């Protein structure tokens, strides 16, 4: 596996497009991987043979550790900073604009942008091992880019708790707050259920499913501009001395 990670996109006979991303650093998302995932989602959305999408990661312990730390540490100007945080913004926007229903299977821990992916799912399932965490405030930044998706899915109160309390929250907490629709004991049970739902969704009318998705995402037409603005905020904060110091300490752990 390369330092940019890997991505597979496979179509089943039933019309389910399974997209799997992997990275040796706890399935973190470097810029190249983010762009590839966005492209895969856009292609699946435009492909008439794809009727539903199952998005998941490889491995069993971590769903997604969020942003790639090495790239984060390398940011040295505002332009680069904003572009970096636009990576997850573009992924969330791709999930939003995709006309096909997206099922996300979270088999392990999710941090930062990984929580953002879960929150942008049309239907999200997880295992008991899928604890979630937003550590951005602890490193002097903030989860600005993913907050709109979190608030839409979980509400302001839960998003506030998750943002300010930067410790782990377990899968049952996430389930109770609406981030996860179902929680399973094992990864095998999770994947079986996620695949079954994706197959069932693939049997439904594409036009009806697309109209339903647009209805469920109502009120988000301003997100492209909003997320770009939020990426600029994060790109500015990551250049501050407190952020640089916190990231350096985090890297040494």
Protein backbone atom coordinates (compact mmCIF):
# COMPACT_ATOMS: atom_id res chain seq x y z
CA UNK A 1 0.00 0.00 0.00
CA UNK A 2 1.38 3.39 -0.94
CA UNK A 3 1.72 6.44 1.27
CA UNK A 4 -1.35 7.79 -0.51
CA UNK A 5 -3.34 4.70 0.42
CA UNK A 6 -5.55 2.67 -1.87
CA UNK A 7 -9.09 2.79 -3.17
CA UNK A 8 -11.24 0.16 -4.83
CA UNK A 9 -14.61 0.60 -6.52
CA UNK A 10 -16.52 -2.51 -7.54
CA UNK A 11 -20.02 -2.98 -8.93
CA UNK A 12 -22.08 -6.03 -7.99
CA UNK A 13 -24.59 -7.69 -10.34
CA UNK A 14 -27.35 -6.17 -8.19
CA UNK A 15 -26.10 -2.64 -8.89
CA UNK A 16 -24.37 -2.00 -5.56
CA UNK A 17 -21.17 0.03 -5.94
CA UNK A 18 -18.79 -0.83 -3.07
CA UNK A 19 -16.06 1.76 -2.49
CA UNK A 20 -13.33 0.78 -0.03
CA UNK A 21 -10.54 3.13 1.08
CA UNK A 22 -7.44 2.03 3.00
CA UNK A 23 -4.32 3.65 4.39
CA UNK A 24 -1.54 2.19 6.58
CA UNK A 25 -1.81 5.13 9.01
CA UNK A 26 -5.12 4.08 10.57
CA UNK A 27 -7.03 4.75 7.36
CA UNK A 28 -6.21 8.44 7.50
CA UNK A 29 -7.05 10.44 4.38
CA UNK A 30 -4.20 12.16 2.52
CA UNK A 31 -5.15 14.64 -0.20
CA UNK A 32 -4.73 12.13 -3.02
CA UNK A 33 -7.00 9.63 -1.30
CA UNK A 34 -9.65 12.27 -0.68
CA UNK A 35 -9.61 13.33 -4.33
CA UNK A 36 -9.83 9.70 -5.47
CA UNK A 37 -12.80 9.05 -3.19
CA UNK A 38 -14.58 12.17 -4.46
CA UNK A 39 -13.96 11.05 -8.05
CA UNK A 40 -15.24 7.54 -7.29
CA UNK A 41 -18.43 8.93 -5.77
CA UNK A 42 -19.01 11.30 -8.69
CA UNK A 43 -18.47 8.45 -11.16
CA UNK A 44 -20.85 6.20 -9.23
CA UNK A 45 -23.45 8.95 -9.15
CA UNK A 46 -23.27 9.34 -12.94
CA UNK A 47 -23.17 5.61 -13.69
CA UNK A 48 -26.63 4.32 -14.66
CA UNK A 49 -25.64 0.78 -13.62
CA UNK A 50 -24.92 1.92 -10.05
CA UNK A 51 -28.13 1.98 -8.03
CA UNK A 52 -26.76 2.28 -4.49
CA UNK A 53 -23.37 2.81 -2.84
CA UNK A 54 -21.66 1.10 0.09
CA UNK A 55 -18.74 3.15 1.41
CA UNK A 56 -16.36 1.60 3.93
CA UNK A 57 -12.69 1.25 4.82
CA UNK A 58 -10.29 -1.66 5.00
CA UNK A 59 -9.08 -3.35 8.18
CA UNK A 60 -10.94 -3.89 11.40
CA UNK A 61 -9.80 -1.50 14.14
CA UNK A 62 -10.09 1.98 12.66
CA UNK A 63 -12.67 3.26 10.21
CA UNK A 64 -10.87 6.55 9.52
CA UNK A 65 -8.40 8.59 11.55
CA UNK A 66 -9.33 11.76 9.67
CA UNK A 67 -6.75 14.05 8.13
CA UNK A 68 -3.27 12.81 7.33
CA UNK A 69 -0.98 14.12 10.07
CA UNK A 70 2.14 14.42 7.89
CA UNK A 71 0.31 16.65 5.41
CA UNK A 72 -1.19 18.66 8.25
CA UNK A 73 2.25 19.32 9.72
CA UNK A 74 3.59 20.41 6.32
CA UNK A 75 1.12 23.31 5.92
CA UNK A 76 3.06 26.59 5.85
CA UNK A 77 0.75 29.17 4.24
CA UNK A 78 -2.92 30.13 4.06
CA UNK A 79 -3.45 28.87 0.52
CA UNK A 80 -2.08 25.42 1.33
CA UNK A 81 -4.01 25.35 4.59
CA UNK A 82 -7.34 26.13 3.00
CA UNK A 83 -6.71 23.64 0.19
CA UNK A 84 -5.91 20.93 2.72
CA UNK A 85 -9.16 21.37 4.63
CA UNK A 86 -11.12 21.62 1.39
CA UNK A 87 -10.26 17.94 0.93
CA UNK A 88 -12.82 16.76 3.47
CA UNK A 89 -15.18 19.57 2.43
CA UNK A 90 -15.18 18.23 -1.13
CA UNK A 91 -15.80 14.68 0.12
CA UNK A 92 -18.81 15.75 2.18
CA UNK A 93 -20.13 17.76 -0.78
CA UNK A 94 -19.65 14.75 -3.08
CA UNK A 95 -21.69 12.58 -0.72
CA UNK A 96 -24.35 15.28 -0.60
CA UNK A 97 -24.66 15.75 -4.37
CA UNK A 98 -24.52 12.05 -5.27
CA UNK A 99 -28.04 11.10 -6.42
CA UNK A 100 -27.67 7.51 -5.22
CA UNK A 101 -28.24 6.46 -1.58
CA UNK A 102 -24.95 6.01 0.30
CA UNK A 103 -24.66 3.44 3.08
CA UNK A 104 -21.57 3.84 5.28
CA UNK A 105 -20.25 0.95 7.38
CA UNK A 106 -18.09 2.05 10.33
CA UNK A 107 -16.23 -1.01 11.59
CA UNK A 108 -13.88 0.73 14.04
CA UNK A 109 -12.84 4.03 15.56
CA UNK A 110 -13.52 7.29 13.73
CA UNK A 111 -11.70 10.54 14.40
CA UNK A 112 -12.23 14.04 12.99
CA UNK A 113 -12.94 13.80 9.28
CA UNK A 114 -13.86 10.14 9.75
CA UNK A 115 -16.77 11.28 11.90
CA UNK A 116 -17.61 13.72 9.11
CA UNK A 117 -17.89 10.87 6.61
CA UNK A 118 -20.24 9.01 8.94
CA UNK A 119 -22.38 12.12 9.39
CA UNK A 120 -22.68 12.68 5.62
CA UNK A 121 -23.96 9.15 5.03
CA UNK A 122 -27.55 8.65 4.02
CA UNK A 123 -27.60 5.62 6.32
CA UNK A 124 -24.77 4.73 8.70
CA UNK A 125 -24.19 1.44 10.51
CA UNK A 126 -21.40 0.60 12.95
CA UNK A 127 -19.96 -1.95 15.34
CA UNK A 128 -19.67 -1.72 19.11
CA UNK A 129 -15.98 -0.92 18.53
CA UNK A 130 -16.82 2.24 16.59
CA UNK A 131 -16.01 4.91 19.16
CA UNK A 132 -15.85 8.45 17.81
CA UNK A 133 -13.77 11.48 18.69
CA UNK A 134 -13.28 15.08 17.59
CA UNK A 135 -9.81 16.12 18.72
CA UNK A 136 -9.55 19.32 16.67
CA UNK A 137 -10.07 21.77 19.53
CA UNK A 138 -7.34 19.99 21.51
CA UNK A 139 -4.89 20.83 18.73
CA UNK A 140 -5.99 24.47 18.54
CA UNK A 141 -8.09 24.13 15.39
CA UNK A 142 -11.75 23.09 15.45
CA UNK A 143 -14.06 20.76 13.46
CA UNK A 144 -15.36 23.65 11.35
CA UNK A 145 -15.63 21.86 7.99
CA UNK A 146 -17.55 18.83 9.25
CA UNK A 147 -19.79 20.66 11.75
CA UNK A 148 -22.62 21.39 9.28
CA UNK A 149 -22.92 17.67 8.53
CA UNK A 150 -22.77 16.82 12.24
CA UNK A 151 -25.42 19.36 13.16
CA UNK A 152 -27.67 18.15 10.35
CA UNK A 153 -27.42 14.53 11.52
CA UNK A 154 -27.09 14.84 15.32
CA UNK A 155 -28.40 18.29 16.20
CA UNK A 156 -26.62 21.24 17.79
CA UNK A 157 -26.54 19.81 21.32
CA UNK A 158 -24.80 16.56 20.40
CA UNK A 159 -22.44 18.28 17.96
CA UNK A 160 -21.52 20.75 20.70
CA UNK A 161 -20.81 17.98 23.21
CA UNK A 162 -18.68 16.10 20.70
CA UNK A 163 -16.76 19.25 19.70
CA UNK A 164 -16.02 20.52 23.20
CA UNK A 165 -15.44 17.19 24.95
CA UNK A 166 -12.49 15.95 22.91
CA UNK A 167 -12.43 12.50 24.55
CA UNK A 168 -13.85 9.28 23.09
CA UNK A 169 -17.61 8.72 22.82
CA UNK A 170 -18.70 5.11 22.37
CA UNK A 171 -20.84 3.64 19.60
CA UNK A 172 -23.96 3.50 21.76
CA UNK A 173 -23.65 7.22 22.48
CA UNK A 174 -23.37 7.89 18.73
CA UNK A 175 -26.35 5.61 18.11
CA UNK A 176 -28.44 7.44 20.69
CA UNK A 177 -27.59 10.79 19.12
CA UNK A 178 -28.56 9.66 15.62
CA UNK A 179 -25.15 9.37 13.99
CA UNK A 180 -25.38 5.58 13.73
CA UNK A 181 -28.70 4.08 12.70
CA UNK A 182 -27.78 0.54 13.80
CA UNK A 183 -24.96 -0.95 15.87
CA UNK A 184 -23.73 -4.55 15.67
CA UNK A 185 -21.54 -6.71 17.89
CA UNK A 186 -19.15 -7.82 15.15
CA UNK A 187 -17.73 -6.58 11.87
CA UNK A 188 -19.15 -9.63 10.12
CA UNK A 189 -22.67 -8.75 11.25
CA UNK A 190 -22.14 -5.12 10.26
CA UNK A 191 -20.97 -5.88 6.74
CA UNK A 192 -23.72 -8.43 6.18
CA UNK A 193 -26.37 -5.92 7.25
CA UNK A 194 -24.82 -3.05 5.27
CA UNK A 195 -24.59 -5.16 2.12
CA UNK A 196 -28.18 -6.38 2.58
CA UNK A 197 -29.47 -2.81 2.92
CA UNK A 198 -27.46 -1.62 -0.09
CA UNK A 199 -28.86 -4.49 -2.17
CA UNK A 200 -32.39 -3.69 -1.05
CA UNK A 201 -31.92 -0.01 -1.90
CA UNK A 202 -30.67 -1.05 -5.34
CA UNK A 203 -34.07 -2.60 -6.08
CA UNK A 204 -35.93 0.66 -5.57
CA UNK A 205 -36.75 3.29 -8.18
CA UNK A 206 -33.68 5.41 -8.93
CA UNK A 207 -35.85 8.45 -9.58
CA UNK A 208 -37.73 8.04 -6.31
CA UNK A 209 -34.54 7.44 -4.33
CA UNK A 210 -32.92 10.53 -5.84
CA UNK A 211 -35.95 12.71 -5.11
CA UNK A 212 -36.06 11.39 -1.55
CA UNK A 213 -32.38 12.15 -1.04
CA UNK A 214 -32.83 15.70 -2.30
CA UNK A 215 -35.73 16.14 0.11
CA UNK A 216 -33.76 14.79 3.05
CA UNK A 217 -30.85 17.12 2.24
CA UNK A 218 -33.10 20.18 1.90
CA UNK A 219 -31.60 23.38 3.27
CA UNK A 220 -28.02 22.53 2.32
CA UNK A 221 -27.76 24.38 -1.00
CA UNK A 222 -25.45 26.92 0.63
CA UNK A 223 -22.97 24.27 1.78
CA UNK A 224 -20.41 24.69 -1.06
CA UNK A 225 -19.80 28.31 -0.04
CA UNK A 226 -20.14 27.56 3.68
CA UNK A 227 -17.65 24.69 3.71
CA UNK A 228 -15.16 26.70 1.67
CA UNK A 229 -15.43 29.49 4.23
CA UNK A 230 -14.96 26.99 7.06
CA UNK A 231 -11.92 25.49 5.32
CA UNK A 232 -10.41 28.96 5.27
CA UNK A 233 -10.93 29.30 9.02
CA UNK A 234 -9.22 25.97 9.68
CA UNK A 235 -6.44 26.83 7.24
CA UNK A 236 -5.74 30.02 9.16
CA UNK A 237 -5.86 28.45 12.61
CA UNK A 238 -3.51 25.59 11.72
CA UNK A 239 -0.77 28.18 11.13
CA UNK A 240 -1.00 29.63 14.64
CA UNK A 241 1.69 28.88 17.22
CA UNK A 242 -0.66 26.95 19.56
CA UNK A 243 -1.67 24.67 16.69
CA UNK A 244 1.92 24.09 15.56
CA UNK A 245 2.98 23.25 19.11
CA UNK A 246 0.03 20.93 19.70
CA UNK A 247 0.56 19.11 16.40
CA UNK A 248 4.26 18.61 17.11
CA UNK A 249 3.45 17.08 20.50
CA UNK A 250 0.77 14.90 18.92
CA UNK A 251 3.22 13.67 16.28
CA UNK A 252 5.69 12.56 18.97
CA UNK A 253 3.12 10.37 20.75
